Amino acid sequence: MTARPSVIALFAMLASAFPSVAWTQSASFERPPIDYLGADVHDRVAKLSGALEAGEIELAYDEEHGYLPAVLAALDVPADSQTLVFSKTSLQLHRISPRRPRALYFNDDVYVGWCQNGDVLEFAATDPQQGAIFYSLEQSSERPPRIVRDRGQCLSCHASSRTQGVPGYLVRSVHVDAAGYPMLGTSTYTTDHTSPFPERWGGWYVTGTHGEMRHMGNVISREEGREVVSDVDAGANRDTLEGLVNTNPYLSPHSDLVALMVLEHQTQMHNAIAAANYETREALHQSAQMNELLDRDPDTISDSATRRIDAAAERVLRHLLMVDEFPLTAEVAGTSGFAEGFTRRGVRDSEGRSLRDLDLRRRLFRHPCSYLIRSPAFAGLPDEVRSRILGRLVTILDGDDDTGDFDHLSRDDRVAVRAILDETHPEFAAAR
């Protein structure tokens, strides 16, 4: 079995896999027009922080979980979204192991991380303009609760090609040893809805059934000679985590398979939206500078800026319409009730259909268009890119696209998605 690496070796590994803090501090989003660290933010955690400081809300402290239950209630994050990750790949790595995994909870725009005996609660929240914003809350009853925004430390892992070049989110899958350390020199994956099942959830616990498909979850890897060996059959189709980990300290005994699949899609969908937001604002900013330099009409958008905005729109469309989604070869089912709660929150058309309807036999969603098209982040996109996305979406769903990029959508898919959006997304309906 692989020897446990030193902390220095671990951080060396992370540094080789992700940009350094120094790199992120010199990134373009640190400067105007983005001004990531300086601009005001209005995400859900920022609003909770303001309410706490103003004395408009109180958070009860729980002796076992600290502020976790109160925070989930205040942020409207369901406990059945719980997933458990035991790889040492986050801020409080000294608190994480296969015996004591980190719990992650989420809704459409907030992520909350909790560790047993952790020093802090960790938050990531989606601001409509600035994308992913990171915070912490000290787990202590000795002082009034205060939410503190991260000033760049989190960006050492959360601003790289794995997050589409902007401050963002990622679900990592790694081979881990018995202590939870990523095994040096082995494959590491950033997963989303396109990822093959066999590459998913290394270092995560997984409850749920998935037939003959296999994943990397629920198992410890080991070295045999020059090969890394994982008994993926032993980790497959687990209704409970009994025998793997004591779940009594957690709010739920589950690490739900469907929640993990939604989480994978949502994180990279959020990143694509934020990347389009940044790219458009930067393109327009540079175009305005050139207009002033060349004494052009201030409203002129240069050809290069137009091309950048068009490309950003296409990347969002590919995520929205689930291009290259991994086709399921067996039906999947979770264990926590997450799927039912997720679906129940959908806005429905006159035929009872919603973009939150799950398929789970062939693919993730019954109607292959992301529910995040109705999110504040999508609505917050600059008009120049949002109008392009909606216009192209009309073309694609009407069957008039000739790029071939969206041929995975059947006629029934296009008709259903178009009808749902016509009734539930006023801006889409206006674009038709």
Protein backbone atom coordinates (compact mmCIF):
# COMPACT_ATOMS: atom_id res chain seq x y z
CA MET A 1 0.00 0.00 0.00
CA THR A 2 1.25 3.48 -0.83
CA ALA A 3 3.03 5.24 2.01
CA ARG A 4 1.33 8.29 3.39
CA PRO A 5 2.90 11.39 1.79
CA SER A 6 4.17 14.21 3.92
CA VAL A 7 2.17 17.43 4.05
CA ILE A 8 4.93 19.08 1.99
CA ALA A 9 4.64 16.36 -0.65
CA LEU A 10 0.87 16.71 -0.69
CA PHE A 11 1.02 20.45 -1.27
CA ALA A 12 3.66 19.89 -3.95
CA MET A 13 1.22 17.56 -5.68
CA LEU A 14 -1.59 20.12 -5.43
CA ALA A 15 0.68 22.85 -6.71
CA SER A 16 1.54 20.78 -9.77
CA ALA A 17 -2.12 20.06 -10.46
CA PHE A 18 -3.50 23.56 -9.96
CA PRO A 19 -2.37 27.16 -10.43
CA SER A 20 -0.62 28.79 -7.49
CA VAL A 21 -2.06 31.62 -5.45
CA ALA A 22 0.46 33.93 -7.14
CA TRP A 23 -0.88 32.90 -10.54
CA THR A 24 -4.49 33.58 -9.61
CA GLN A 25 -3.62 36.98 -8.18
CA SER A 26 -2.23 38.00 -11.56
CA ALA A 27 -5.22 36.65 -13.50
CA SER A 28 -7.29 39.02 -15.59
CA PHE A 29 -10.34 38.66 -13.35
CA GLU A 30 -8.45 40.40 -10.55
CA ARG A 31 -8.49 43.59 -12.62
CA PRO A 32 -11.29 45.70 -14.16
CA PRO A 33 -13.82 45.10 -15.52
CA ILE A 34 -14.26 42.01 -13.29
CA ASP A 35 -12.43 43.11 -10.11
CA TYR A 36 -13.20 39.76 -8.49
CA LEU A 37 -11.99 40.65 -4.98
CA GLY A 38 -13.10 44.27 -4.97
CA ALA A 39 -16.57 44.36 -6.52
CA ASP A 40 -19.68 44.10 -4.39
CA VAL A 41 -21.38 40.71 -4.36
CA HIS A 42 -25.01 39.81 -3.76
CA ASP A 43 -25.04 36.03 -3.50
CA ARG A 44 -27.12 34.20 -0.94
CA VAL A 45 -24.29 33.79 1.59
CA ALA A 46 -23.37 37.48 1.30
CA LYS A 47 -26.98 38.35 2.10
CA LEU A 48 -26.96 36.00 5.11
CA SER A 49 -23.72 37.60 6.29
CA GLY A 50 -25.27 41.05 6.05
CA ALA A 51 -28.36 39.92 7.95
CA LEU A 52 -26.15 38.49 10.73
CA GLU A 53 -24.13 41.68 11.06
CA ALA A 54 -27.33 43.77 11.15
CA GLY A 55 -28.83 41.56 13.86
CA GLU A 56 -31.73 40.63 11.60
CA ILE A 57 -31.16 36.91 12.02
CA GLU A 58 -29.65 34.58 14.61
CA LEU A 59 -28.02 31.20 14.06
CA ALA A 60 -28.51 28.55 16.72
CA TYR A 61 -25.42 26.58 17.70
CA ASP A 62 -25.75 22.78 17.86
CA GLU A 63 -23.31 20.93 20.11
CA GLU A 64 -22.78 18.12 17.58
CA HIS A 65 -22.86 19.98 14.26
CA GLY A 66 -22.13 23.58 15.21
CA TYR A 67 -23.91 26.06 12.99
CA LEU A 68 -24.56 23.54 10.21
CA PRO A 69 -28.31 22.85 10.78
CA ALA A 70 -29.09 26.55 11.25
CA VAL A 71 -27.10 27.54 8.17
CA LEU A 72 -28.77 24.93 5.96
CA ALA A 73 -32.17 26.18 7.08
CA ALA A 74 -31.23 29.83 6.54
CA LEU A 75 -29.87 29.12 3.05
CA ASP A 76 -32.65 26.69 2.09
CA VAL A 77 -30.19 23.85 1.46
CA PRO A 78 -31.77 20.38 1.86
CA ALA A 79 -30.06 17.84 4.11
CA ASP A 80 -30.91 15.09 1.61
CA SER A 81 -28.40 16.66 -0.79
CA GLN A 82 -25.63 15.29 1.44
CA THR A 83 -22.64 13.70 -0.25
CA LEU A 84 -19.57 12.44 1.61
CA VAL A 85 -16.01 12.83 0.33
CA PHE A 86 -13.09 11.16 2.10
CA SER A 87 -10.16 12.26 -0.07
CA LYS A 88 -7.93 14.91 1.45
CA THR A 89 -8.60 17.42 -1.31
CA SER A 90 -10.01 20.47 0.47
CA LEU A 91 -9.17 23.20 2.97
CA GLN A 92 -9.54 21.12 6.15
CA LEU A 93 -7.63 18.08 4.89
CA HIS A 94 -6.37 17.30 8.40
CA ARG A 95 -10.01 16.69 9.44
CA ILE A 96 -10.82 14.37 6.52
CA SER A 97 -10.23 10.63 6.18
CA PRO A 98 -12.14 7.50 5.13
CA ARG A 99 -13.28 7.23 8.76
CA ARG A 100 -14.36 10.87 8.91
CA PRO A 101 -15.41 12.10 5.48
CA ARG A 102 -16.33 15.69 4.73
CA ALA A 103 -20.03 16.30 4.12
CA LEU A 104 -21.16 18.55 1.28
CA TYR A 105 -24.68 19.98 0.97
CA PHE A 106 -26.02 22.09 -1.90
CA ASN A 107 -28.95 23.73 -3.60
CA ASP A 108 -29.04 25.47 -6.97
CA ASP A 109 -26.55 28.21 -6.04
CA VAL A 110 -24.96 27.44 -2.65
CA TYR A 111 -22.55 24.73 -1.46
CA VAL A 112 -21.84 24.06 2.24
CA GLY A 113 -18.98 21.90 3.52
CA TRP A 114 -18.84 20.41 7.04
CA CYS A 115 -16.18 18.31 8.77
CA GLN A 116 -16.45 16.45 12.05
CA ASN A 117 -14.77 18.65 14.69
CA GLY A 118 -14.01 21.09 11.91
CA ASP A 119 -12.62 24.54 12.57
CA VAL A 120 -15.00 26.22 10.14
CA LEU A 121 -18.00 25.70 7.93
CA GLU A 122 -17.04 26.25 4.29
CA PHE A 123 -19.31 27.98 1.79
CA ALA A 124 -19.27 28.60 -1.93
CA ALA A 125 -22.07 30.68 -3.41
CA THR A 126 -22.90 31.83 -6.92
CA ASP A 127 -23.11 35.57 -7.41
CA PRO A 128 -25.05 36.56 -10.56
CA GLN A 129 -22.16 38.75 -11.74
CA GLN A 130 -18.98 37.46 -10.11
CA GLY A 131 -19.58 33.70 -10.16
CA ALA A 132 -18.25 31.50 -7.35
CA ILE A 133 -17.55 33.34 -4.08
CA PHE A 134 -15.97 31.51 -1.13
CA TYR A 135 -16.60 32.03 2.59
CA SER A 136 -16.07 30.43 5.99
CA LEU A 137 -17.80 30.54 9.37
CA GLU A 138 -15.91 29.66 12.55
CA GLN A 139 -17.45 26.68 14.36
CA SER A 140 -17.35 28.19 17.85
CA SER A 141 -20.09 29.23 20.26
CA GLU A 142 -17.73 31.49 22.18
CA ARG A 143 -18.14 34.40 19.74
CA PRO A 144 -21.09 35.63 17.67
CA PRO A 145 -21.20 33.88 14.29
CA ARG A 146 -19.45 35.86 11.56
CA ILE A 147 -19.13 34.86 7.92
CA VAL A 148 -15.76 35.76 6.40
CA ARG A 149 -15.10 36.01 2.68
CA ASP A 150 -12.01 34.27 1.33
CA ARG A 151 -9.48 36.70 -0.13
CA GLY A 152 -7.81 34.42 -2.63
CA GLN A 153 -6.62 31.28 -0.84
CA CYS A 154 -9.40 29.13 -2.30
CA LEU A 155 -8.49 30.22 -5.81
CA SER A 156 -5.31 28.15 -5.67
CA CYS A 157 -7.56 25.19 -6.52
CA HIS A 158 -10.76 26.91 -7.60
CA ALA A 159 -9.49 29.01 -10.53
CA SER A 160 -7.88 26.89 -13.22
CA SER A 161 -8.61 25.05 -16.44
CA ARG A 162 -10.59 22.62 -14.27
CA THR A 163 -13.02 25.45 -13.47
CA GLN A 164 -13.02 26.79 -17.05
CA GLY A 165 -10.53 29.52 -16.25
CA VAL A 166 -12.67 31.43 -13.73
CA PRO A 167 -13.28 31.21 -9.97
CA GLY A 168 -15.52 28.18 -9.88
CA TYR A 169 -16.44 24.74 -8.67
CA LEU A 170 -15.20 21.24 -9.35
CA VAL A 171 -15.93 17.66 -8.39
CA ARG A 172 -12.68 15.68 -8.36
CA SER A 173 -12.26 11.94 -8.62
CA VAL A 174 -8.94 10.51 -7.43
CA HIS A 175 -7.34 7.28 -6.30
CA VAL A 176 -6.84 7.48 -2.54
CA ASP A 177 -4.92 5.44 -0.01
CA ALA A 178 -6.15 4.17 3.34
CA ALA A 179 -5.56 7.56 4.99
CA GLY A 180 -7.46 9.42 2.29
CA TYR A 181 -4.41 10.93 0.57
CA PRO A 182 -4.51 11.14 -3.24
CA MET A 183 -2.03 8.63 -4.62
CA LEU A 184 0.80 10.45 -6.35
CA GLY A 185 1.29 9.66 -10.01
CA THR A 186 -2.22 8.30 -10.58
CA SER A 187 -5.01 9.69 -12.70
CA THR A 188 -7.19 12.49 -11.35
CA TYR A 189 -10.45 13.47 -13.01
CA THR A 190 -12.65 16.53 -12.97
CA THR A 191 -16.11 15.09 -13.47
CA ASP A 192 -19.34 16.34 -14.98
CA HIS A 193 -22.22 14.85 -16.99
CA THR A 194 -19.84 13.92 -19.83
CA SER A 195 -17.56 11.80 -17.64
CA PRO A 196 -17.54 8.02 -18.17
CA PHE A 197 -18.99 6.25 -15.15
CA PRO A 198 -15.74 4.36 -14.44
CA GLU A 199 -13.94 7.69 -13.84
CA ARG A 200 -16.38 9.07 -11.28
CA TRP A 201 -16.30 9.46 -7.49
CA GLY A 202 -12.88 8.23 -6.50
CA GLY A 203 -12.52 9.38 -2.89
CA TRP A 204 -16.30 9.70 -2.39
CA TYR A 205 -18.83 7.51 -0.67
CA VAL A 206 -21.77 6.61 -2.89
CA THR A 207 -25.18 5.19 -1.97
CA GLY A 208 -27.44 4.05 -4.76
CA THR A 209 -27.83 1.42 -7.44
CA HIS A 210 -26.47 1.49 -10.98
CA GLY A 211 -26.67 -2.04 -12.39
CA GLU A 212 -23.62 -3.32 -14.24
CA MET A 213 -21.98 0.10 -14.45
CA ARG A 214 -19.03 0.65 -12.12
CA HIS A 215 -17.50 3.74 -10.51
CA MET A 216 -14.48 4.54 -8.32
CA GLY A 217 -16.45 5.34 -5.17
CA ASN A 218 -16.52 3.52 -1.82
CA VAL A 219 -13.10 1.93 -2.21
CA ILE A 220 -9.49 2.43 -1.14
CA SER A 221 -6.87 1.97 -3.84
CA ARG A 222 -3.60 0.15 -3.35
CA GLU A 223 -0.45 -0.48 -5.31
CA GLU A 224 0.45 -3.93 -6.58
CA GLY A 225 3.82 -3.69 -8.25
CA ARG A 226 3.54 -0.79 -10.69
CA GLU A 227 -0.26 -0.90 -10.91
CA VAL A 228 -2.94 0.80 -8.86
CA VAL A 229 -5.69 -1.62 -7.92
CA SER A 230 -9.24 -0.74 -6.83
CA ASP A 231 -11.95 -3.30 -6.12
CA VAL A 232 -14.74 -1.42 -7.89
CA ASP A 233 -17.13 -4.36 -7.57
CA ALA A 234 -16.94 -4.07 -3.78
CA GLY A 235 -17.99 -0.44 -4.02
CA ALA A 236 -20.89 -0.98 -6.39
CA ASN A 237 -24.67 -0.83 -5.77
CA ARG A 238 -24.57 0.08 -2.09
CA ASP A 239 -27.92 0.86 -0.47
CA THR A 240 -26.13 1.88 2.73
CA LEU A 241 -22.63 2.71 3.90
CA GLU A 242 -22.80 0.20 6.73
CA GLY A 243 -19.46 -1.53 7.13
CA LEU A 244 -17.62 1.30 5.33
CA VAL A 245 -18.05 4.28 7.63
CA ASN A 246 -20.01 5.29 10.72
CA THR A 247 -22.62 7.76 9.46
CA ASN A 248 -24.17 8.50 12.88
CA PRO A 249 -22.35 11.85 13.24
CA TYR A 250 -23.89 13.15 10.00
CA LEU A 251 -27.26 14.69 9.27
CA SER A 252 -28.03 11.82 6.89
CA PRO A 253 -26.73 8.26 6.46
CA HIS A 254 -26.57 8.76 2.68
CA SER A 255 -24.14 9.96 0.03
CA ASP A 256 -26.71 9.93 -2.71
CA LEU A 257 -25.82 8.82 -6.23
CA VAL A 258 -28.35 11.10 -7.92
CA ALA A 259 -27.23 14.06 -5.81
CA LEU A 260 -23.67 13.40 -6.99
CA MET A 261 -24.75 13.30 -10.64
CA VAL A 262 -26.67 16.57 -10.31
CA LEU A 263 -23.73 18.11 -8.44
CA GLU A 264 -21.33 17.18 -11.24
CA HIS A 265 -23.52 18.75 -13.89
CA GLN A 266 -24.37 21.84 -11.86
CA THR A 267 -20.80 22.76 -10.92
CA GLN A 268 -19.53 22.86 -14.50
CA MET A 269 -22.75 24.48 -15.75
CA HIS A 270 -22.19 27.28 -13.26
CA ASN A 271 -18.59 27.57 -14.44
CA ALA A 272 -19.66 27.85 -18.08
CA ILE A 273 -22.11 30.64 -17.23
CA ALA A 274 -19.49 32.52 -15.19
CA ALA A 275 -16.89 32.08 -17.92
CA ALA A 276 -19.30 33.55 -20.49
CA ASN A 277 -20.03 36.44 -18.15
CA TYR A 278 -16.35 37.22 -17.65
CA GLU A 279 -15.43 36.75 -21.31
CA THR A 280 -18.20 39.04 -22.50
CA ARG A 281 -17.42 41.80 -20.01
CA GLU A 282 -13.72 41.63 -20.81
CA ALA A 283 -14.36 41.62 -24.57
CA LEU A 284 -16.66 44.63 -24.33
CA HIS A 285 -14.21 46.44 -22.04
CA GLN A 286 -11.35 45.94 -24.47
CA SER A 287 -13.56 46.92 -27.39
CA ALA A 288 -14.49 50.17 -25.59
CA GLN A 289 -10.83 50.93 -24.99
CA MET A 290 -10.12 50.46 -28.70
CA ASN A 291 -13.09 52.67 -29.59
CA GLU A 292 -11.62 55.48 -27.53
CA LEU A 293 -8.15 54.95 -28.93
CA LEU A 294 -9.37 54.91 -32.54
CA ASP A 295 -12.02 57.60 -32.02
CA ARG A 296 -14.80 55.21 -33.03
CA ASP A 297 -18.46 55.26 -32.04
CA PRO A 298 -18.52 54.28 -28.32
CA ASP A 299 -21.18 51.62 -29.02
CA THR A 300 -19.06 49.81 -31.62
CA ILE A 301 -18.37 46.17 -30.78
CA SER A 302 -15.25 45.00 -32.59
CA ASP A 303 -15.16 41.88 -34.73
CA SER A 304 -12.76 40.22 -32.30
CA ALA A 305 -15.08 40.97 -29.37
CA THR A 306 -18.03 39.59 -31.33
CA ARG A 307 -16.14 36.37 -32.03
CA ARG A 308 -15.24 35.99 -28.35
CA ILE A 309 -18.85 36.51 -27.27
CA ASP A 310 -20.13 34.08 -29.89
CA ALA A 311 -17.67 31.41 -28.73
CA ALA A 312 -18.66 31.94 -25.09
CA ALA A 313 -22.33 31.57 -26.02
CA GLU A 314 -21.64 28.28 -27.79
CA ARG A 315 -19.83 26.88 -24.77
CA VAL A 316 -22.81 27.69 -22.56
CA LEU A 317 -25.16 26.09 -25.09
CA ARG A 318 -23.13 22.88 -25.10
CA HIS A 319 -23.48 22.61 -21.33
CA LEU A 320 -27.14 23.66 -21.33
CA LEU A 321 -28.11 21.06 -23.92
CA MET A 322 -25.98 18.28 -22.43
CA VAL A 323 -23.71 17.79 -25.45
CA ASP A 324 -21.49 14.68 -25.14
CA GLU A 325 -23.36 13.42 -22.08
CA PHE A 326 -22.25 9.95 -21.02
CA PRO A 327 -25.06 7.54 -21.98
CA LEU A 328 -26.23 5.41 -19.07
CA THR A 329 -26.30 1.69 -19.79
CA ALA A 330 -28.30 0.82 -16.67
CA GLU A 331 -30.90 2.56 -14.57
CA VAL A 332 -29.59 4.48 -11.57
CA ALA A 333 -31.38 5.29 -8.32
CA GLY A 334 -30.44 7.16 -5.17
CA THR A 335 -31.29 6.41 -1.57
CA SER A 336 -31.92 9.69 0.26
CA GLY A 337 -35.02 11.11 -1.38
CA PHE A 338 -32.92 13.79 -3.08
CA ALA A 339 -34.31 12.95 -6.52
CA GLU A 340 -37.90 13.43 -5.42
CA GLY A 341 -37.15 16.74 -3.70
CA PHE A 342 -35.11 18.02 -6.64
CA THR A 343 -37.88 17.20 -9.11
CA ARG A 344 -40.60 18.63 -6.89
CA ARG A 345 -39.03 22.09 -7.05
CA GLY A 346 -39.49 22.30 -10.81
CA VAL A 347 -41.62 24.94 -12.54
CA ARG A 348 -44.01 23.05 -14.82
CA ASP A 349 -45.69 23.71 -18.13
CA SER A 350 -49.34 23.04 -18.89
CA GLU A 351 -48.56 19.37 -19.56
CA GLY A 352 -46.82 18.95 -16.19
CA ARG A 353 -43.28 18.86 -17.59
CA SER A 354 -40.24 20.51 -15.98
CA LEU A 355 -36.55 20.84 -16.76
CA ARG A 356 -35.96 19.27 -13.34
CA ASP A 357 -37.59 15.99 -14.38
CA LEU A 358 -35.03 13.19 -14.11
CA ASP A 359 -34.63 10.29 -16.52
CA LEU A 360 -31.93 8.13 -14.82
CA ARG A 361 -32.29 5.30 -17.34
CA ARG A 362 -30.58 6.68 -20.47
CA ARG A 363 -29.32 10.01 -19.16
CA LEU A 364 -29.60 12.45 -16.25
CA PHE A 365 -32.54 14.65 -17.36
CA ARG A 366 -35.70 13.57 -19.13
CA HIS A 367 -35.71 16.84 -21.10
CA PRO A 368 -32.06 17.60 -21.96
CA CYS A 369 -31.76 21.28 -21.10
CA SER A 370 -30.25 22.42 -17.82
CA TYR A 371 -32.59 23.81 -15.17
CA LEU A 372 -29.96 26.49 -14.54
CA ILE A 373 -31.27 28.38 -17.56
CA ARG A 374 -33.75 29.77 -15.01
CA SER A 375 -31.04 30.68 -12.47
CA PRO A 376 -30.07 34.18 -11.34
CA ALA A 377 -26.61 33.51 -12.80
CA PHE A 378 -28.05 32.97 -16.27
CA ALA A 379 -30.32 36.00 -15.93
CA GLY A 380 -27.26 38.01 -14.85
CA LEU A 381 -25.35 37.35 -18.06
CA PRO A 382 -24.65 40.51 -20.07
CA ASP A 383 -27.35 41.15 -22.67
CA GLU A 384 -24.86 40.72 -25.51
CA VAL A 385 -24.20 37.06 -24.68
CA ARG A 386 -27.54 36.09 -23.14
CA SER A 387 -29.42 37.23 -26.26
CA ARG A 388 -27.06 35.20 -28.44
CA ILE A 389 -27.61 32.09 -26.32
CA LEU A 390 -31.39 32.43 -26.42
CA GLY A 391 -31.42 33.18 -30.15
CA ARG A 392 -29.25 30.17 -30.90
CA LEU A 393 -31.40 28.07 -28.59
CA VAL A 394 -34.48 28.96 -30.63
CA THR A 395 -32.66 27.98 -33.81
CA ILE A 396 -31.51 24.65 -32.36
CA LEU A 397 -34.86 23.69 -30.87
CA ASP A 398 -36.68 24.65 -34.09
CA GLY A 399 -34.44 22.17 -35.92
CA ASP A 400 -32.71 24.83 -37.99
CA ASP A 401 -29.15 24.38 -36.69
CA ASP A 402 -26.73 22.96 -39.25
CA THR A 403 -23.58 22.66 -37.13
CA GLY A 404 -24.23 19.04 -36.18
CA ASP A 405 -23.22 19.81 -32.58
CA PHE A 406 -26.71 19.19 -31.25
CA ASP A 407 -27.73 16.14 -33.24
CA HIS A 408 -28.06 14.18 -30.01
CA LEU A 409 -31.39 15.95 -29.47
CA SER A 410 -34.24 13.94 -30.94
CA ARG A 411 -37.23 15.68 -32.45
CA ASP A 412 -39.24 14.78 -29.33
CA ASP A 413 -36.51 16.26 -27.13
CA ARG A 414 -36.53 19.53 -29.06
CA VAL A 415 -40.31 19.79 -29.05
CA ALA A 416 -40.55 19.13 -25.31
CA VAL A 417 -37.77 21.51 -24.29
CA ARG A 418 -39.14 24.23 -26.57
CA ALA A 419 -42.63 23.86 -25.10
CA ILE A 420 -41.35 23.94 -21.51
CA LEU A 421 -39.28 27.06 -22.15
CA ASP A 422 -42.11 28.77 -24.01
CA GLU A 423 -44.25 28.52 -20.89
CA THR A 424 -41.69 28.86 -18.11
CA HIS A 425 -39.00 31.20 -19.48
CA PRO A 426 -40.50 34.51 -20.63
CA GLU A 427 -37.26 35.77 -22.18
CA PHE A 428 -36.97 32.63 -24.31
CA ALA A 429 -40.56 33.01 -25.43
CA ALA A 430 -39.87 36.63 -26.38
CA ALA A 431 -36.86 35.56 -28.45
CA ARG A 432 -38.97 33.34 -30.70
